[in-house]
Amino acid sequence: MSFEVILPFLRPIEGLIRDPEITEIMINGPACVFIEREGQIEPVPGVSIPEKSLQVAVKNIARALGDEISEEKPLLDSRLPDGSRVAAVIPPCSIGGTTLTIRKFQTRMFTAAELVRTGTMSERIVESLRDAVERRRNVLISGGTGSGKTTLLAALAAFISARDRIVLIEDTSEVQIAKPNVVRFEARREQPGLPPVTIRELLRATLRHRPDRILLGEVRGEEAFDLLQALNTGHGGTLSTIHANSARQALSRFTSCVLQSGIELPYQAIRAQIGDAVQVLIHLERRQGKRVVAEALRVDRFDAMADGYVTEPLAAD
């Protein structure tokens, strides 16, 4: 079990780590612990880890995972063998004491039907999304942190034909796809003696591995230009996510990410290309602890005269 690597250093919260219903543990200093359970964040009273013990625990965890955290390098962002994430910040950068966040890897795959049952989206939206995936439309999923973007991406991937060759590119591997022909690429941050391997490099390599479908875990930066080029040159049926607070902002952020590549294209030309490339846009939000589809749109084109995208609802509820 992956958590056995860190449990010896975190005995006061061993019960929280082992609890399968808890998806995230957040330690905000020695005596302030929160958890996420079923999408709801709640405090855990009566749990305390002395600051000195917490710092020792974090340093030992870093060492066990082949990383390090110190005054010279006060940030830790590492991963357990099962894909669970461990992030920490120590003083003086974390003013209230050591901050430690453990995000458990979710082994359960949520189906579209389960997302309907939990109220994330309606059956009509599911059927429209199924049709879009089967027709090889390019789908962009937007939302904030913890809004369920990755969960929805995996659920939509289930609609892809078993005959298709899928290349999945992620910053950290977490999307689960039960298909026979799946190639998984994962980025690598810079390590001692090893250069980084970026999402952009992996996306460029993907095009030489005959993908029928490209799934990009998240659009974050300059790789957006290469993705846009792929979308506009025959790589239909691509699914991806982007961090944004609304559907409209998602398209603006996509544009900003393309500009990070340093290409010399007019701003309006980039927006026009995005209007042609992104055909379905789904925006997710968290409302009272529940993840819901706030907007589901078809993107028809970019209208230069109106200085905006022409969209219509994907499905009427």
C-alpha atoms as a PDB file:
ATOM      1  CA  MET A   1       0.000   0.000   0.000  1.00  0.00           C
ATOM      2  CA  SER A   2       1.412   3.372  -0.987  1.00  0.00           C
ATOM      3  CA  PHE A   3       0.501   5.116   2.259  1.00  0.00           C
ATOM      4  CA  GLU A   4       2.761   2.758   4.177  1.00  0.00           C
ATOM      5  CA  VAL A   5       5.611   4.954   2.909  1.00  0.00           C
ATOM      6  CA  ILE A   6       4.429   7.949   4.933  1.00  0.00           C
ATOM      7  CA  LEU A   7       2.397   6.433   7.782  1.00  0.00           C
ATOM      8  CA  PRO A   8       5.372   5.951  10.160  1.00  0.00           C
ATOM      9  CA  PHE A   9       5.745   9.742  10.256  1.00  0.00           C
ATOM     10  CA  LEU A  10       2.055  10.636  10.579  1.00  0.00           C
ATOM     11  CA  ARG A  11       0.637   8.349  13.257  1.00  0.00           C
ATOM     12  CA  PRO A  12      -1.650  11.059  14.750  1.00  0.00           C
ATOM     13  CA  ILE A  13      -3.614  11.162  11.487  1.00  0.00           C
ATOM     14  CA  GLU A  14      -3.243   7.506  10.466  1.00  0.00           C
ATOM     15  CA  GLY A  15      -6.986   6.982  10.812  1.00  0.00           C
ATOM     16  CA  LEU A  16      -7.686   9.844   8.402  1.00  0.00           C
ATOM     17  CA  ILE A  17      -5.188   8.530   5.873  1.00  0.00           C
ATOM     18  CA  ARG A  18      -6.668   5.033   5.977  1.00  0.00           C
ATOM     19  CA  ASP A  19     -10.302   6.174   5.812  1.00  0.00           C
ATOM     20  CA  PRO A  20     -11.446   5.426   2.226  1.00  0.00           C
ATOM     21  CA  GLU A  21     -14.206   8.044   2.404  1.00  0.00           C
ATOM     22  CA  ILE A  22     -11.708  10.871   2.957  1.00  0.00           C
ATOM     23  CA  THR A  23     -10.303  12.193  -0.316  1.00  0.00           C
ATOM     24  CA  GLU A  24      -8.031  14.964   0.965  1.00  0.00           C
ATOM     25  CA  ILE A  25      -6.287  15.843   4.233  1.00  0.00           C
ATOM     26  CA  MET A  26      -5.172  19.425   4.886  1.00  0.00           C
ATOM     27  CA  ILE A  27      -2.939  20.278   7.847  1.00  0.00           C
ATOM     28  CA  ASN A  28      -2.715  24.028   8.403  1.00  0.00           C
ATOM     29  CA  GLY A  29      -0.064  24.029  11.110  1.00  0.00           C
ATOM     30  CA  PRO A  30       0.263  21.991  14.312  1.00  0.00           C
ATOM     31  CA  ALA A  31      -3.352  22.030  15.581  1.00  0.00           C
ATOM     32  CA  CYS A  32      -5.541  22.780  12.566  1.00  0.00           C
ATOM     33  CA  VAL A  33      -6.633  19.830  10.422  1.00  0.00           C
ATOM     34  CA  PHE A  34      -9.320  19.720   7.736  1.00  0.00           C
ATOM     35  CA  ILE A  35     -10.515  16.897   5.504  1.00  0.00           C
ATOM     36  CA  GLU A  36     -12.619  16.562   2.375  1.00  0.00           C
ATOM     37  CA  ARG A  37     -15.314  13.908   2.409  1.00  0.00           C
ATOM     38  CA  GLU A  38     -17.903  13.538  -0.374  1.00  0.00           C
ATOM     39  CA  GLY A  39     -16.956  16.945  -1.712  1.00  0.00           C
ATOM     40  CA  GLN A  40     -17.432  18.710   1.636  1.00  0.00           C
ATOM     41  CA  ILE A  41     -14.561  20.252   3.599  1.00  0.00           C
ATOM     42  CA  GLU A  42     -14.864  19.842   7.358  1.00  0.00           C
ATOM     43  CA  PRO A  43     -12.606  20.423  10.385  1.00  0.00           C
ATOM     44  CA  VAL A  44     -11.200  17.574  12.463  1.00  0.00           C
ATOM     45  CA  PRO A  45     -11.274  18.584  16.137  1.00  0.00           C
ATOM     46  CA  GLY A  46      -8.892  17.151  18.675  1.00  0.00           C
ATOM     47  CA  VAL A  47      -6.085  16.305  16.248  1.00  0.00           C
ATOM     48  CA  SER A  48      -2.725  17.919  16.964  1.00  0.00           C
ATOM     49  CA  ILE A  49       0.816  17.353  15.733  1.00  0.00           C
ATOM     50  CA  PRO A  50       3.588  19.426  17.390  1.00  0.00           C
ATOM     51  CA  GLU A  51       5.309  21.700  14.912  1.00  0.00           C
ATOM     52  CA  LYS A  52       8.704  20.103  15.446  1.00  0.00           C
ATOM     53  CA  SER A  53       7.240  16.637  14.854  1.00  0.00           C
ATOM     54  CA  LEU A  54       5.373  17.886  11.797  1.00  0.00           C
ATOM     55  CA  GLN A  55       8.540  19.321  10.266  1.00  0.00           C
ATOM     56  CA  VAL A  56      10.454  16.106  10.961  1.00  0.00           C
ATOM     57  CA  ALA A  57       7.592  14.130   9.415  1.00  0.00           C
ATOM     58  CA  VAL A  58       7.575  16.253   6.263  1.00  0.00           C
ATOM     59  CA  LYS A  59      11.354  15.995   5.854  1.00  0.00           C
ATOM     60  CA  ASN A  60      11.230  12.232   6.313  1.00  0.00           C
ATOM     61  CA  ILE A  61       8.374  11.942   3.827  1.00  0.00           C
ATOM     62  CA  ALA A  62      10.359  13.953   1.296  1.00  0.00           C
ATOM     63  CA  ARG A  63      13.387  11.732   1.810  1.00  0.00           C
ATOM     64  CA  ALA A  64      11.297   8.559   1.495  1.00  0.00           C
ATOM     65  CA  LEU A  65       9.898   9.826  -1.811  1.00  0.00           C
ATOM     66  CA  GLY A  66      13.327  10.717  -3.182  1.00  0.00           C
ATOM     67  CA  ASP A  67      12.810  14.440  -2.714  1.00  0.00           C
ATOM     68  CA  GLU A  68      13.872  17.057  -0.210  1.00  0.00           C
ATOM     69  CA  ILE A  69      12.488  19.988   1.743  1.00  0.00           C
ATOM     70  CA  SER A  70      14.595  22.434   3.767  1.00  0.00           C
ATOM     71  CA  GLU A  71      15.041  26.122   4.495  1.00  0.00           C
ATOM     72  CA  GLU A  72      16.824  26.425   1.148  1.00  0.00           C
ATOM     73  CA  LYS A  73      13.981  24.542  -0.600  1.00  0.00           C
ATOM     74  CA  PRO A  74      10.874  25.063   1.559  1.00  0.00           C
ATOM     75  CA  LEU A  75       8.372  23.604  -0.933  1.00  0.00           C
ATOM     76  CA  LEU A  76       7.566  19.944  -1.514  1.00  0.00           C
ATOM     77  CA  ASP A  77       5.398  18.635  -4.334  1.00  0.00           C
ATOM     78  CA  SER A  78       5.733  14.888  -4.604  1.00  0.00           C
ATOM     79  CA  ARG A  79       3.760  11.762  -5.369  1.00  0.00           C
ATOM     80  CA  LEU A  80       3.241   8.372  -3.778  1.00  0.00           C
ATOM     81  CA  PRO A  81       3.577   5.222  -5.879  1.00  0.00           C
ATOM     82  CA  ASP A  82      -0.219   4.959  -6.285  1.00  0.00           C
ATOM     83  CA  GLY A  83      -0.492   8.516  -7.610  1.00  0.00           C
ATOM     84  CA  SER A  84      -1.591  10.222  -4.380  1.00  0.00           C
ATOM     85  CA  ARG A  85      -0.106  13.699  -4.019  1.00  0.00           C
ATOM     86  CA  VAL A  86       1.834  15.069  -1.077  1.00  0.00           C
ATOM     87  CA  ALA A  87       2.472  18.814  -0.929  1.00  0.00           C
ATOM     88  CA  ALA A  88       4.094  20.763   1.890  1.00  0.00           C
ATOM     89  CA  VAL A  89       5.415  24.217   2.730  1.00  0.00           C
ATOM     90  CA  ILE A  90       7.536  24.801   5.834  1.00  0.00           C
ATOM     91  CA  PRO A  91       8.383  27.997   7.743  1.00  0.00           C
ATOM     92  CA  PRO A  92       9.355  30.708   7.197  1.00  0.00           C
ATOM     93  CA  CYS A  93       7.349  30.537   3.953  1.00  0.00           C
ATOM     94  CA  SER A  94       4.393  28.985   5.797  1.00  0.00           C
ATOM     95  CA  ILE A  95       3.793  31.541   8.515  1.00  0.00           C
ATOM     96  CA  GLY A  96       1.359  29.596  10.696  1.00  0.00           C
ATOM     97  CA  GLY A  97       3.514  26.498  10.858  1.00  0.00           C
ATOM     98  CA  THR A  98       4.125  23.625   8.476  1.00  0.00           C
ATOM     99  CA  THR A  99       1.368  23.137   5.898  1.00  0.00           C
ATOM    100  CA  LEU A 100       0.832  19.606   4.591  1.00  0.00           C
ATOM    101  CA  THR A 101      -1.783  18.510   2.077  1.00  0.00           C
ATOM    102  CA  ILE A 102      -2.369  14.895   1.068  1.00  0.00           C
ATOM    103  CA  ARG A 103      -4.641  14.320  -1.917  1.00  0.00           C
ATOM    104  CA  LYS A 104      -5.525  10.673  -2.277  1.00  0.00           C
ATOM    105  CA  PHE A 105      -5.511   9.049  -5.676  1.00  0.00           C
ATOM    106  CA  GLN A 106      -9.031   8.042  -6.644  1.00  0.00           C
ATOM    107  CA  THR A 107      -9.123   4.456  -7.859  1.00  0.00           C
ATOM    108  CA  ARG A 108     -12.845   4.542  -8.509  1.00  0.00           C
ATOM    109  CA  MET A 109     -13.935   5.603 -11.976  1.00  0.00           C
ATOM    110  CA  PHE A 110     -17.161   7.608 -12.022  1.00  0.00           C
ATOM    111  CA  THR A 111     -19.367   6.869 -15.000  1.00  0.00           C
ATOM    112  CA  ALA A 112     -21.570   9.429 -16.697  1.00  0.00           C
ATOM    113  CA  ALA A 113     -24.585   7.652 -15.189  1.00  0.00           C
ATOM    114  CA  GLU A 114     -23.156   8.133 -11.696  1.00  0.00           C
ATOM    115  CA  LEU A 115     -22.562  11.812 -12.402  1.00  0.00           C
ATOM    116  CA  VAL A 116     -26.257  12.079 -13.305  1.00  0.00           C
ATOM    117  CA  ARG A 117     -27.230  10.242 -10.111  1.00  0.00           C
ATOM    118  CA  THR A 118     -25.126  12.568  -7.954  1.00  0.00           C
ATOM    119  CA  GLY A 119     -26.630  15.635  -9.619  1.00  0.00           C
ATOM    120  CA  THR A 120     -23.524  16.788 -11.485  1.00  0.00           C
ATOM    121  CA  MET A 121     -25.393  16.951 -14.790  1.00  0.00           C
ATOM    122  CA  SER A 122     -28.671  15.999 -16.426  1.00  0.00           C
ATOM    123  CA  GLU A 123     -29.348  12.989 -18.630  1.00  0.00           C
ATOM    124  CA  ARG A 124     -29.933  15.302 -21.593  1.00  0.00           C
ATOM    125  CA  ILE A 125     -26.481  16.817 -21.222  1.00  0.00           C
ATOM    126  CA  VAL A 126     -24.973  13.332 -20.936  1.00  0.00           C
ATOM    127  CA  GLU A 127     -26.655  12.241 -24.163  1.00  0.00           C
ATOM    128  CA  SER A 128     -25.480  15.407 -25.915  1.00  0.00           C
ATOM    129  CA  LEU A 129     -21.928  14.815 -24.678  1.00  0.00           C
ATOM    130  CA  ARG A 130     -22.047  11.175 -25.748  1.00  0.00           C
ATOM    131  CA  ASP A 131     -23.109  12.303 -29.220  1.00  0.00           C
ATOM    132  CA  ALA A 132     -20.324  14.933 -29.303  1.00  0.00           C
ATOM    133  CA  VAL A 133     -17.650  12.390 -28.348  1.00  0.00           C
ATOM    134  CA  GLU A 134     -18.916   9.798 -30.812  1.00  0.00           C
ATOM    135  CA  ARG A 135     -18.993  12.435 -33.569  1.00  0.00           C
ATOM    136  CA  ARG A 136     -15.393  13.346 -32.745  1.00  0.00           C
ATOM    137  CA  ARG A 137     -16.125  16.864 -31.556  1.00  0.00           C
ATOM    138  CA  ASN A 138     -13.379  18.643 -29.616  1.00  0.00           C
ATOM    139  CA  VAL A 139     -14.478  19.084 -26.002  1.00  0.00           C
ATOM    140  CA  LEU A 140     -12.963  21.516 -23.499  1.00  0.00           C
ATOM    141  CA  ILE A 141     -13.878  21.130 -19.820  1.00  0.00           C
ATOM    142  CA  SER A 142     -13.333  24.140 -17.572  1.00  0.00           C
ATOM    143  CA  GLY A 143     -13.687  24.758 -13.859  1.00  0.00           C
ATOM    144  CA  GLY A 144     -11.933  25.719 -10.679  1.00  0.00           C
ATOM    145  CA  THR A 145      -9.852  23.577  -8.346  1.00  0.00           C
ATOM    146  CA  GLY A 146     -11.760  20.502  -7.178  1.00  0.00           C
ATOM    147  CA  SER A 147     -14.709  21.121  -9.486  1.00  0.00           C
ATOM    148  CA  GLY A 148     -14.517  17.669 -11.084  1.00  0.00           C
ATOM    149  CA  LYS A 149     -12.803  18.409 -14.405  1.00  0.00           C
ATOM    150  CA  THR A 150     -10.671  15.265 -14.357  1.00  0.00           C
ATOM    151  CA  THR A 151     -13.603  13.109 -13.248  1.00  0.00           C
ATOM    152  CA  LEU A 152     -15.726  14.340 -16.153  1.00  0.00           C
ATOM    153  CA  LEU A 153     -12.843  13.882 -18.602  1.00  0.00           C
ATOM    154  CA  ALA A 154     -12.538  10.232 -17.575  1.00  0.00           C
ATOM    155  CA  ALA A 155     -16.304   9.731 -17.801  1.00  0.00           C
ATOM    156  CA  LEU A 156     -16.415  11.165 -21.341  1.00  0.00           C
ATOM    157  CA  ALA A 157     -13.451   9.017 -22.376  1.00  0.00           C
ATOM    158  CA  ALA A 158     -15.673   5.991 -21.762  1.00  0.00           C
ATOM    159  CA  PHE A 159     -17.713   7.041 -24.820  1.00  0.00           C
ATOM    160  CA  ILE A 160     -14.682   6.715 -27.125  1.00  0.00           C
ATOM    161  CA  SER A 161     -14.753   3.708 -29.419  1.00  0.00           C
ATOM    162  CA  ALA A 162     -12.628   0.728 -28.376  1.00  0.00           C
ATOM    163  CA  ARG A 163     -11.176   0.799 -31.901  1.00  0.00           C
ATOM    164  CA  ASP A 164      -9.563   4.202 -31.372  1.00  0.00           C
ATOM    165  CA  ARG A 165      -5.943   4.643 -30.335  1.00  0.00           C
ATOM    166  CA  ILE A 166      -5.862   7.090 -27.414  1.00  0.00           C
ATOM    167  CA  VAL A 167      -2.835   9.078 -26.283  1.00  0.00           C
ATOM    168  CA  LEU A 168      -3.287  10.532 -22.801  1.00  0.00           C
ATOM    169  CA  ILE A 169      -0.924  13.311 -21.697  1.00  0.00           C
ATOM    170  CA  GLU A 170      -0.833  14.477 -18.078  1.00  0.00           C
ATOM    171  CA  ASP A 171       1.292  16.539 -15.769  1.00  0.00           C
ATOM    172  CA  THR A 172       0.670  13.914 -13.078  1.00  0.00           C
ATOM    173  CA  SER A 173      -0.894  10.614 -14.087  1.00  0.00           C
ATOM    174  CA  GLU A 174      -4.377  10.248 -12.602  1.00  0.00           C
ATOM    175  CA  VAL A 175      -6.985   9.775 -15.355  1.00  0.00           C
ATOM    176  CA  GLN A 176      -8.152   6.184 -15.611  1.00  0.00           C
ATOM    177  CA  ILE A 177      -9.348   4.874 -18.969  1.00  0.00           C
ATOM    178  CA  ALA A 178     -10.532   1.321 -19.547  1.00  0.00           C
ATOM    179  CA  LYS A 179      -9.777   1.043 -23.262  1.00  0.00           C
ATOM    180  CA  PRO A 180      -7.570  -1.499 -25.075  1.00  0.00           C
ATOM    181  CA  ASN A 181      -5.305   0.896 -27.019  1.00  0.00           C
ATOM    182  CA  VAL A 182      -4.170   3.609 -24.601  1.00  0.00           C
ATOM    183  CA  VAL A 183      -0.733   5.257 -24.502  1.00  0.00           C
ATOM    184  CA  ARG A 184      -0.006   7.252 -21.341  1.00  0.00           C
ATOM    185  CA  PHE A 185       2.552  10.070 -21.252  1.00  0.00           C
ATOM    186  CA  GLU A 186       3.501  11.935 -18.079  1.00  0.00           C
ATOM    187  CA  ALA A 187       5.551  15.116 -17.816  1.00  0.00           C
ATOM    188  CA  ARG A 188       8.695  15.224 -15.676  1.00  0.00           C
ATOM    189  CA  ARG A 189       9.815  18.203 -13.681  1.00  0.00           C
ATOM    190  CA  GLU A 190      13.512  19.050 -13.496  1.00  0.00           C
ATOM    191  CA  GLN A 191      15.425  16.726 -11.200  1.00  0.00           C
ATOM    192  CA  PRO A 192      19.077  16.561 -10.140  1.00  0.00           C
ATOM    193  CA  GLY A 193      20.929  15.456 -13.231  1.00  0.00           C
ATOM    194  CA  LEU A 194      17.746  15.202 -15.296  1.00  0.00           C
ATOM    195  CA  PRO A 195      16.179  17.913 -17.474  1.00  0.00           C
ATOM    196  CA  PRO A 196      12.408  18.464 -17.420  1.00  0.00           C
ATOM    197  CA  VAL A 197      10.107  16.867 -19.980  1.00  0.00           C
ATOM    198  CA  THR A 198       7.281  19.303 -20.631  1.00  0.00           C
ATOM    199  CA  ILE A 199       3.672  18.798 -21.661  1.00  0.00           C
ATOM    200  CA  ARG A 200       4.496  20.665 -24.866  1.00  0.00           C
ATOM    201  CA  GLU A 201       7.279  18.225 -25.718  1.00  0.00           C
ATOM    202  CA  LEU A 202       5.004  15.271 -25.017  1.00  0.00           C
ATOM    203  CA  LEU A 203       2.228  16.754 -27.138  1.00  0.00           C
ATOM    204  CA  ARG A 204       4.597  17.174 -30.064  1.00  0.00           C
ATOM    205  CA  ALA A 205       5.812  13.595 -29.613  1.00  0.00           C
ATOM    206  CA  THR A 206       2.208  12.392 -29.505  1.00  0.00           C
ATOM    207  CA  LEU A 207       1.602  13.460 -33.090  1.00  0.00           C
ATOM    208  CA  ARG A 208       4.236  10.929 -34.204  1.00  0.00           C
ATOM    209  CA  HIS A 209       2.488   8.039 -32.445  1.00  0.00           C
ATOM    210  CA  ARG A 210      -0.613   7.916 -34.649  1.00  0.00           C
ATOM    211  CA  PRO A 211      -3.272   9.032 -32.170  1.00  0.00           C
ATOM    212  CA  ASP A 212      -6.926   8.700 -33.102  1.00  0.00           C
ATOM    213  CA  ARG A 213      -7.737  10.678 -29.982  1.00  0.00           C
ATOM    214  CA  ILE A 214      -5.657  13.054 -27.886  1.00  0.00           C
ATOM    215  CA  LEU A 215      -6.582  13.537 -24.248  1.00  0.00           C
ATOM    216  CA  LEU A 216      -4.699  16.373 -22.546  1.00  0.00           C
ATOM    217  CA  GLY A 217      -5.117  16.394 -18.784  1.00  0.00           C
ATOM    218  CA  GLU A 218      -4.966  20.183 -18.514  1.00  0.00           C
ATOM    219  CA  VAL A 219      -4.056  23.138 -20.731  1.00  0.00           C
ATOM    220  CA  ARG A 220      -1.736  25.311 -18.642  1.00  0.00           C
ATOM    221  CA  GLY A 221       0.717  27.149 -20.855  1.00  0.00           C
ATOM    222  CA  GLU A 222       2.564  27.242 -24.128  1.00  0.00           C
ATOM    223  CA  GLU A 223       1.436  23.744 -25.133  1.00  0.00           C
ATOM    224  CA  ALA A 224      -1.928  25.391 -25.958  1.00  0.00           C
ATOM    225  CA  PHE A 225      -0.508  26.543 -29.304  1.00  0.00           C
ATOM    226  CA  ASP A 226       0.522  23.012 -30.301  1.00  0.00           C
ATOM    227  CA  LEU A 227      -2.851  21.694 -29.167  1.00  0.00           C
ATOM    228  CA  LEU A 228      -4.614  24.365 -31.217  1.00  0.00           C
ATOM    229  CA  GLN A 229      -2.590  23.424 -34.276  1.00  0.00           C
ATOM    230  CA  ALA A 230      -3.469  19.749 -33.770  1.00  0.00           C
ATOM    231  CA  LEU A 231      -7.167  20.536 -33.373  1.00  0.00           C
ATOM    232  CA  ASN A 232      -7.188  22.550 -36.585  1.00  0.00           C
ATOM    233  CA  THR A 233      -5.264  19.983 -38.634  1.00  0.00           C
ATOM    234  CA  GLY A 234      -7.424  16.898 -38.387  1.00  0.00           C
ATOM    235  CA  HIS A 235      -7.071  15.634 -34.808  1.00  0.00           C
ATOM    236  CA  GLY A 236     -10.771  15.636 -34.008  1.00  0.00           C
ATOM    237  CA  GLY A 237     -12.323  14.146 -30.913  1.00  0.00           C
ATOM    238  CA  THR A 238      -9.788  15.666 -28.536  1.00  0.00           C
ATOM    239  CA  LEU A 239     -10.734  16.081 -24.865  1.00  0.00           C
ATOM    240  CA  SER A 240      -8.985  18.454 -22.481  1.00  0.00           C
ATOM    241  CA  THR A 241      -9.495  20.591 -19.392  1.00  0.00           C
ATOM    242  CA  ILE A 242      -8.555  24.128 -18.422  1.00  0.00           C
ATOM    243  CA  HIS A 243      -8.665  26.050 -15.150  1.00  0.00           C
ATOM    244  CA  ALA A 244     -11.182  28.916 -15.316  1.00  0.00           C
ATOM    245  CA  ASN A 245     -14.042  30.500 -13.387  1.00  0.00           C
ATOM    246  CA  SER A 246     -16.535  30.530 -16.267  1.00  0.00           C
ATOM    247  CA  ALA A 247     -16.982  29.200 -19.777  1.00  0.00           C
ATOM    248  CA  ARG A 248     -16.227  32.622 -21.232  1.00  0.00           C
ATOM    249  CA  GLN A 249     -13.058  32.919 -19.148  1.00  0.00           C
ATOM    250  CA  ALA A 250     -12.006  29.443 -20.300  1.00  0.00           C
ATOM    251  CA  LEU A 251     -11.795  30.639 -23.904  1.00  0.00           C
ATOM    252  CA  SER A 252      -9.925  33.774 -22.838  1.00  0.00           C
ATOM    253  CA  ARG A 253      -7.478  31.710 -20.812  1.00  0.00           C
ATOM    254  CA  PHE A 254      -6.951  29.360 -23.736  1.00  0.00           C
ATOM    255  CA  THR A 255      -6.005  32.430 -25.790  1.00  0.00           C
ATOM    256  CA  SER A 256      -3.594  33.621 -23.090  1.00  0.00           C
ATOM    257  CA  CYS A 257      -1.961  30.189 -22.955  1.00  0.00           C
ATOM    258  CA  VAL A 258      -1.456  30.220 -26.729  1.00  0.00           C
ATOM    259  CA  LEU A 259       0.242  33.622 -26.434  1.00  0.00           C
ATOM    260  CA  GLN A 260       2.691  32.147 -23.883  1.00  0.00           C
ATOM    261  CA  SER A 261       4.207  30.085 -26.706  1.00  0.00           C
ATOM    262  CA  GLY A 262       5.696  33.277 -28.141  1.00  0.00           C
ATOM    263  CA  ILE A 263       4.069  32.859 -31.555  1.00  0.00           C
ATOM    264  CA  GLU A 264       3.558  36.007 -33.588  1.00  0.00           C
ATOM    265  CA  LEU A 265      -0.120  35.766 -34.448  1.00  0.00           C
ATOM    266  CA  PRO A 266      -2.679  38.560 -34.087  1.00  0.00           C
ATOM    267  CA  TYR A 267      -4.850  38.223 -30.994  1.00  0.00           C
ATOM    268  CA  GLN A 268      -8.025  38.084 -33.066  1.00  0.00           C
ATOM    269  CA  ALA A 269      -6.558  35.407 -35.328  1.00  0.00           C
ATOM    270  CA  ILE A 270      -5.874  33.200 -32.307  1.00  0.00           C
ATOM    271  CA  ARG A 271      -9.433  33.684 -31.089  1.00  0.00           C
ATOM    272  CA  ALA A 272     -10.758  32.798 -34.521  1.00  0.00           C
ATOM    273  CA  GLN A 273      -8.725  29.576 -34.527  1.00  0.00           C
ATOM    274  CA  ILE A 274     -10.011  28.693 -31.069  1.00  0.00           C
ATOM    275  CA  GLY A 275     -13.567  29.340 -32.288  1.00  0.00           C
ATOM    276  CA  ASP A 276     -12.984  26.781 -35.038  1.00  0.00           C
ATOM    277  CA  ALA A 277     -11.154  24.258 -32.856  1.00  0.00           C
ATOM    278  CA  VAL A 278     -13.237  24.103 -29.652  1.00  0.00           C
ATOM    279  CA  GLN A 279     -16.682  22.763 -30.495  1.00  0.00           C
ATOM    280  CA  VAL A 280     -18.103  21.884 -27.069  1.00  0.00           C
ATOM    281  CA  LEU A 281     -17.394  23.704 -23.807  1.00  0.00           C
ATOM    282  CA  ILE A 282     -18.469  22.377 -20.417  1.00  0.00           C
ATOM    283  CA  HIS A 283     -17.989  24.485 -17.287  1.00  0.00           C
ATOM    284  CA  LEU A 284     -18.101  22.907 -13.821  1.00  0.00           C
ATOM    285  CA  GLU A 285     -18.595  24.579 -10.468  1.00  0.00           C
ATOM    286  CA  ARG A 286     -18.823  23.577  -6.832  1.00  0.00           C
ATOM    287  CA  ARG A 287     -22.101  24.573  -5.219  1.00  0.00           C
ATOM    288  CA  GLN A 288     -22.642  23.760  -1.541  1.00  0.00           C
ATOM    289  CA  GLY A 289     -20.090  20.990  -1.784  1.00  0.00           C
ATOM    290  CA  LYS A 290     -21.594  19.445  -4.928  1.00  0.00           C
ATOM    291  CA  ARG A 291     -19.944  19.463  -8.334  1.00  0.00           C
ATOM    292  CA  VAL A 292     -22.352  20.612 -11.040  1.00  0.00           C
ATOM    293  CA  VAL A 293     -22.282  21.501 -14.724  1.00  0.00           C
ATOM    294  CA  ALA A 294     -22.931  25.248 -14.681  1.00  0.00           C
ATOM    295  CA  GLU A 295     -22.675  25.792 -18.450  1.00  0.00           C
ATOM    296  CA  ALA A 296     -22.833  23.405 -21.408  1.00  0.00           C
ATOM    297  CA  LEU A 297     -22.271  25.118 -24.741  1.00  0.00           C
ATOM    298  CA  ARG A 298     -21.724  24.463 -28.403  1.00  0.00           C
ATOM    299  CA  VAL A 299     -19.112  26.850 -29.767  1.00  0.00           C
ATOM    300  CA  ASP A 300     -19.944  27.754 -33.372  1.00  0.00           C
ATOM    301  CA  ARG A 301     -17.282  30.316 -34.210  1.00  0.00           C
ATOM    302  CA  PHE A 302     -15.587  33.558 -33.222  1.00  0.00           C
ATOM    303  CA  ASP A 303     -17.416  36.632 -34.473  1.00  0.00           C
ATOM    304  CA  ALA A 304     -14.880  39.421 -35.054  1.00  0.00           C
ATOM    305  CA  MET A 305     -17.593  42.031 -35.606  1.00  0.00           C
ATOM    306  CA  ALA A 306     -19.228  41.263 -32.266  1.00  0.00           C
ATOM    307  CA  ASP A 307     -15.835  40.640 -30.626  1.00  0.00           C
ATOM    308  CA  GLY A 308     -17.038  37.414 -29.061  1.00  0.00           C
ATOM    309  CA  TYR A 309     -17.767  33.734 -29.539  1.00  0.00           C
ATOM    310  CA  VAL A 310     -21.048  32.552 -31.005  1.00  0.00           C
ATOM    311  CA  THR A 311     -22.420  29.824 -28.738  1.00  0.00           C
ATOM    312  CA  GLU A 312     -25.650  28.006 -28.065  1.00  0.00           C
ATOM    313  CA  PRO A 313     -26.795  25.693 -25.254  1.00  0.00           C
ATOM    314  CA  LEU A 314     -25.655  22.106 -25.701  1.00  0.00           C
ATOM    315  CA  ALA A 315     -28.924  20.759 -24.309  1.00  0.00           C
ATOM    316  CA  ALA A 316     -32.002  22.316 -22.763  1.00  0.00           C
ATOM    317  CA  ASP A 317     -32.833  21.043 -19.284  1.00  0.00           C
END
